[in-house]
Amino acid sequence: MIDAVVQAAVGLGVIISLIFSELLGASAGGIVVPGYIALHLDKPMQILGTLIISLLTWGIIRVVGRFTLLFGKRRMVLSILIGFILGWASRLLVFHELTIHQLQMQSIGYIIPGLIANWFERQGFWKTLSTMSIAALLVKLMLIVIFGGEVYDVSQNVSSQSEIGVVSDYPLCIIHSFVPDSQQQLCGDTHR
């Protein structure tokens, strides 16, 4: 079932990216990016880590671009390569014996930060970030509809029965269909 969710997320992300590109003229950070971001919407620290790696990659690309002819395929390949290296390094960093992996702040995949950075350079930070966010949310909502309200944690192969899921450990109580008994008082929800 997890494979089906991942395949559906990537496929829907590609379709929504193409629609946004054709209708709005805005890219969602790369054609496969919204699907992968949608799969990790319940891990805000990992999304933050991906954005930080993307921003670092974009900064390096801008600096390198001042000294070389960097455009088109060269910029794309260099963005992906730098994003890959920084994404890999994000899994190795240690802060006071607490790793980035324990904080779950590592990047999503190895290629995603480079793709996002390339689109930051091509169309700007805010346009890319807003389009990517909207596309990822649409993919997530479509996944919820397709899979009957079940949200799967693709990194740990755990499923939770809810309409939207849990963002970190904080439930989105307003839209949950099943709230654990221990969290009902936090939500003020007394019915199931």
Protein backbone atom coordinates (compact mmCIF):
# COMPACT_ATOMS: atom_id res chain seq x y z
CA MET A 1 0.00 0.00 0.00
CA ILE A 2 2.88 2.36 0.75
CA ASP A 3 4.22 1.91 -2.79
CA ALA A 4 0.82 2.84 -4.19
CA VAL A 5 0.75 6.01 -2.08
CA VAL A 6 4.22 7.05 -3.24
CA GLN A 7 3.40 6.31 -6.87
CA ALA A 8 0.13 8.21 -6.63
CA ALA A 9 1.82 11.18 -4.91
CA VAL A 10 4.53 11.48 -7.54
CA GLY A 11 2.05 10.98 -10.39
CA LEU A 12 -0.40 13.54 -9.02
CA GLY A 13 2.51 15.92 -8.36
CA VAL A 14 3.60 15.65 -11.99
CA ILE A 15 0.05 16.30 -13.24
CA ILE A 16 -0.50 19.29 -10.93
CA SER A 17 2.95 20.69 -11.80
CA LEU A 18 2.14 20.49 -15.49
CA ILE A 19 -1.26 22.14 -14.97
CA PHE A 20 0.31 24.97 -12.93
CA SER A 21 3.04 25.41 -15.51
CA GLU A 22 0.62 25.57 -18.44
CA LEU A 23 -2.19 27.58 -16.84
CA LEU A 24 -0.28 29.85 -14.47
CA GLY A 25 3.18 29.92 -16.03
CA ALA A 26 4.67 29.03 -12.65
CA SER A 27 6.67 25.97 -11.74
CA ALA A 28 6.21 24.16 -8.45
CA GLY A 29 9.94 23.77 -7.90
CA GLY A 30 10.38 20.95 -10.38
CA ILE A 31 7.97 18.48 -11.86
CA VAL A 32 8.29 15.81 -9.12
CA VAL A 33 8.78 18.11 -6.14
CA PRO A 34 5.11 18.60 -5.08
CA GLY A 35 4.57 14.85 -4.74
CA TYR A 36 7.57 14.41 -2.47
CA ILE A 37 6.74 17.49 -0.41
CA ALA A 38 3.14 16.21 -0.05
CA LEU A 39 4.43 12.91 1.32
CA HIS A 40 6.34 14.79 4.01
CA LEU A 41 3.79 17.44 5.03
CA ASP A 42 3.53 15.73 8.41
CA LYS A 43 7.25 16.39 8.98
CA PRO A 44 7.66 20.19 9.06
CA MET A 45 11.27 19.98 10.25
CA GLN A 46 12.19 17.90 7.22
CA ILE A 47 10.49 20.40 4.91
CA LEU A 48 12.35 23.20 6.69
CA GLY A 49 15.62 21.28 6.26
CA THR A 50 14.89 20.86 2.55
CA LEU A 51 14.20 24.59 2.17
CA ILE A 52 17.41 25.48 4.03
CA ILE A 53 19.46 23.16 1.81
CA SER A 54 17.71 24.64 -1.25
CA LEU A 55 18.50 28.18 -0.12
CA LEU A 56 22.14 27.29 0.52
CA THR A 57 22.32 25.67 -2.91
CA TRP A 58 20.73 28.71 -4.51
CA GLY A 59 23.24 30.99 -2.76
CA ILE A 60 26.17 28.91 -3.97
CA ILE A 61 24.77 28.90 -7.51
CA ARG A 62 24.45 32.69 -7.45
CA VAL A 63 28.05 33.08 -6.24
CA VAL A 64 29.40 30.64 -8.83
CA GLY A 65 27.30 32.37 -11.50
CA ARG A 66 29.21 35.62 -10.92
CA PHE A 67 32.47 34.02 -12.04
CA THR A 68 31.33 31.62 -14.75
CA LEU A 69 28.80 31.36 -17.54
CA LEU A 70 26.14 29.44 -15.70
CA PHE A 71 22.79 28.95 -17.41
CA GLY A 72 20.51 26.24 -18.76
CA LYS A 73 21.74 22.69 -18.36
CA ARG A 74 24.93 23.73 -16.58
CA ARG A 75 23.00 25.55 -13.90
CA MET A 76 20.55 22.66 -13.56
CA VAL A 77 23.29 20.05 -13.22
CA LEU A 78 25.29 22.19 -10.81
CA SER A 79 22.16 22.88 -8.73
CA ILE A 80 21.38 19.18 -8.48
CA LEU A 81 25.02 18.32 -7.69
CA ILE A 82 25.36 20.96 -4.96
CA GLY A 83 21.91 20.09 -3.58
CA PHE A 84 22.93 16.42 -3.54
CA ILE A 85 26.16 17.15 -1.66
CA LEU A 86 24.47 19.45 0.86
CA GLY A 87 21.55 17.01 1.29
CA TRP A 88 24.01 14.20 1.94
CA ALA A 89 25.95 16.40 4.37
CA SER A 90 22.73 17.30 6.19
CA ARG A 91 22.46 13.67 7.23
CA LEU A 92 25.97 13.71 8.70
CA LEU A 93 25.96 16.92 10.71
CA VAL A 94 26.08 16.64 14.46
CA PHE A 95 25.13 19.39 16.92
CA HIS A 96 26.11 18.67 20.51
CA GLU A 97 25.69 14.92 20.03
CA LEU A 98 22.27 15.47 18.48
CA THR A 99 22.20 14.73 14.79
CA ILE A 100 20.12 16.44 12.16
CA HIS A 101 18.57 13.02 11.51
CA GLN A 102 17.27 12.86 15.09
CA LEU A 103 15.72 16.29 14.59
CA GLN A 104 14.41 15.00 11.26
CA MET A 105 15.71 18.18 9.65
CA GLN A 106 17.56 16.43 6.83
CA SER A 107 16.51 17.18 3.30
CA ILE A 108 13.80 15.25 1.49
CA GLY A 109 15.75 13.04 -0.85
CA TYR A 110 18.97 14.07 -2.52
CA ILE A 111 17.72 15.62 -5.75
CA ILE A 112 14.76 17.68 -4.47
CA PRO A 113 16.81 20.56 -2.94
CA GLY A 114 18.72 21.05 -6.20
CA LEU A 115 15.53 21.12 -8.24
CA ILE A 116 13.98 23.67 -5.89
CA ALA A 117 17.15 25.81 -5.94
CA ASN A 118 17.19 25.79 -9.73
CA TRP A 119 13.64 27.14 -9.79
CA PHE A 120 14.45 29.72 -7.11
CA GLU A 121 17.03 31.03 -9.58
CA ARG A 122 14.73 30.81 -12.60
CA GLN A 123 11.50 32.33 -11.28
CA GLY A 124 12.29 33.71 -7.84
CA PHE A 125 11.92 32.56 -4.26
CA TRP A 126 8.35 33.61 -3.44
CA LYS A 127 6.79 32.49 -6.70
CA THR A 128 8.46 29.08 -6.43
CA LEU A 129 7.69 28.65 -2.73
CA SER A 130 4.03 29.62 -3.04
CA THR A 131 3.41 27.50 -6.14
CA MET A 132 5.20 24.52 -4.58
CA SER A 133 3.22 24.86 -1.34
CA ILE A 134 -0.15 25.07 -3.06
CA ALA A 135 0.69 22.15 -5.37
CA ALA A 136 1.87 19.98 -2.44
CA LEU A 137 -1.30 20.72 -0.48
CA LEU A 138 -3.45 19.83 -3.51
CA VAL A 139 -1.55 16.56 -3.94
CA LYS A 140 -2.00 15.73 -0.24
CA LEU A 141 -5.74 16.47 -0.40
CA MET A 142 -6.11 14.33 -3.51
CA LEU A 143 -4.24 11.48 -1.79
CA ILE A 144 -6.62 11.71 1.15
CA VAL A 145 -9.62 11.47 -1.17
CA ILE A 146 -8.13 8.62 -3.22
CA PHE A 147 -7.06 6.53 -0.23
CA GLY A 148 -10.22 7.05 1.80
CA GLY A 149 -8.87 9.33 4.50
CA GLU A 150 -5.90 7.19 5.46
CA VAL A 151 -2.54 8.92 5.59
CA TYR A 152 0.58 6.80 5.48
CA ASP A 153 3.94 7.66 6.95
CA VAL A 154 6.11 6.55 4.06
CA SER A 155 9.32 6.78 6.05
CA GLN A 156 8.19 4.39 8.79
CA ASN A 157 5.47 2.38 7.00
CA VAL A 158 2.93 3.37 9.66
CA SER A 159 -0.64 4.36 8.85
CA SER A 160 -2.89 6.61 10.82
CA GLN A 161 -6.59 6.89 10.13
CA SER A 162 -7.34 10.55 9.76
CA GLU A 163 -8.50 12.93 7.12
CA ILE A 164 -5.41 15.08 7.01
CA GLY A 165 -3.05 13.44 9.46
CA VAL A 166 -0.82 14.74 12.15
CA VAL A 167 1.63 17.57 11.67
CA SER A 168 4.53 16.58 13.88
CA ASP A 169 2.88 15.50 17.16
CA TYR A 170 0.16 18.14 17.09
CA PRO A 171 -3.20 16.95 15.74
CA LEU A 172 -5.21 19.00 13.33
CA CYS A 173 -8.25 18.44 15.50
CA ILE A 174 -10.79 20.31 13.44
CA ILE A 175 -10.49 17.96 10.51
CA HIS A 176 -9.64 14.66 12.20
CA SER A 177 -12.08 11.85 11.85
CA PHE A 178 -10.32 9.73 14.47
CA VAL A 179 -8.63 11.47 17.37
CA PRO A 180 -6.79 9.31 19.91
CA ASP A 181 -8.40 9.31 23.37
CA SER A 182 -5.30 10.91 24.91
CA GLN A 183 -5.61 13.92 22.59
CA GLN A 184 -9.36 14.47 22.67
CA GLN A 185 -9.17 16.97 25.53
CA LEU A 186 -6.52 18.96 23.67
CA CYS A 187 -8.94 19.23 20.77
CA GLY A 188 -12.09 19.73 22.77
CA ASP A 189 -13.54 16.85 20.73
CA THR A 190 -15.74 14.44 22.62
CA HIS A 191 -17.22 12.50 19.72
CA ARG A 192 -15.72 10.13 17.19
